Amino acid sequence: MTSVLLVLNAGSSSLKFQVFAFGETADPRRIFKGVFEELSGSPHLLIRDSAGTVVTDQAFHRESLSGHEEALLHVAAWLREHCSGFRLAAAGHRVVHGGKAYSRPVRVDEEVLEALECLVPLAPLHQPHNLAPIRILRRRFPDLPQIACFDTAFHRNQPEIAQLFALPHAMTEAGVRRYGFHGLSYAHIASVLAKYDPALATGRVVVAHLGNGASLCALERGRSIATTMGFSALDGLPMGTRCGSLDAGVVFYMMREMKLDPDEAERMLYTQSGLLGVSGLSHDMRRLRSLAATDPDAQRAIDLFVYRIERELGSLVAALGGLDALIFTGGIGENDVATRAEVLRRAAWAGFELDAAANASGGPQVTQGPGPAAWVIPADEEMTIARGTCEALGQVQREPAL
């Protein structure tokens, strides 16, 4: 009987999941990939097999299925029905924040879960939803081993100086430091660089994870040495609804002059800013691109996004002491031809020479000439989680579960 892993990535109204077989080959083998969307509205389940063929496409009435618990139980029932010959050995979870304590995948017990709950204020948009399926599975399937894999972990070995704010030492010791995020994505990119060009694995690379959440990371020999996000996932680039880098004085102004309480200020910075706030129209780059020709606010939001990428790219090139390659990944990075072209043209100072035809076709290499190369590499956070789960399972008993 083949052992399989269930990899879960829960959002506020979605549940992404993948199923991997492990123990057969060096890397886990993807079997199914699915997503439950609109869990708070009109739930819809889409599942594809490893070849990309749709095997389930099902809509639900809200009365018949609502919330993560019912969605997760439906996934478990689907797996029992469609995975004969498989044994579910563990669940691996994306957890955005691991704090100072967790720099590797860890098996979740009640003590670990309570520690991760304490980090909710550092990632209020993500952490509660990441932890919800863990609690559900602990309650429903208490013998199932569960492994938490952290977005912050990839950055924990950065040079100490890159993790510090210029704040009193006591605050640093209390945990106020730069953590960085999107680490599961960056870890995957680091693991596959040599497949695209062996020199990248030992070179100086900036990875641009561009999507509704966006950040850049400087890699030297495949290790994170600096990244644009810091204490929280608000920092760095403007995002779909998040502000990116902000003078702390703006927060004081919001509270003193605008009379916003802390919850209102937090809500504005996390959910009403970024592309949505600047454009007043949408957080979705695709919609903004469609409106940009006739709406100056849509164009302004795009221009600010690209400008900030260039600014942050310059800072990371300085941290690296040079640049060998730029990697685009994430929803915008992989799919938005115009954003890639604009970033590379603005960054001509670094020696990039855009290959317009290659860029239009999606690469993988989208530059030409003797300067630094730019590549498009698909994100695969789930594979990183599957690998991390296998790593942790090497330290625990693989007991039968569902």
Foldseek 3Di string as FASTA:
>chain_A
DWEKEWEWAFFPFKIWIWIWTDPPDPFTHTFKTKMWGRLVAWTWIWMAGPVRHTPDTDIDHNVVGHDDLRVVVVVVVVCVVPVPVYFHQAYFFEAADDALPDLAKDWDDPVSLVVLVVCCVQEVRGHVRRCVVVVSCCVVWVVHTYIYGYQQNLQNPAPPVQFADPDDPVVVVVRQTFRGGNNLQLLVCLVCVVVVPVVVLQAWEKEWAAAQQTKIFIDHNSGTHHIQGTSHSLAAFFGLQAAHHDDVVVVVCCCPVVVDDPVRSVCNRRGCHQLCVQLVPGSHLVVLVVCVVPGVSSVVSLVRRLVSVLVVVVVSCVVRVAHQEYEFEHDCSQPPLVSVVSNQVVVCVNVWAAQSVCSVVRHQWGTDDDGHIYGYDYGDSSSSSSVSVVVNVVVDDRDGID
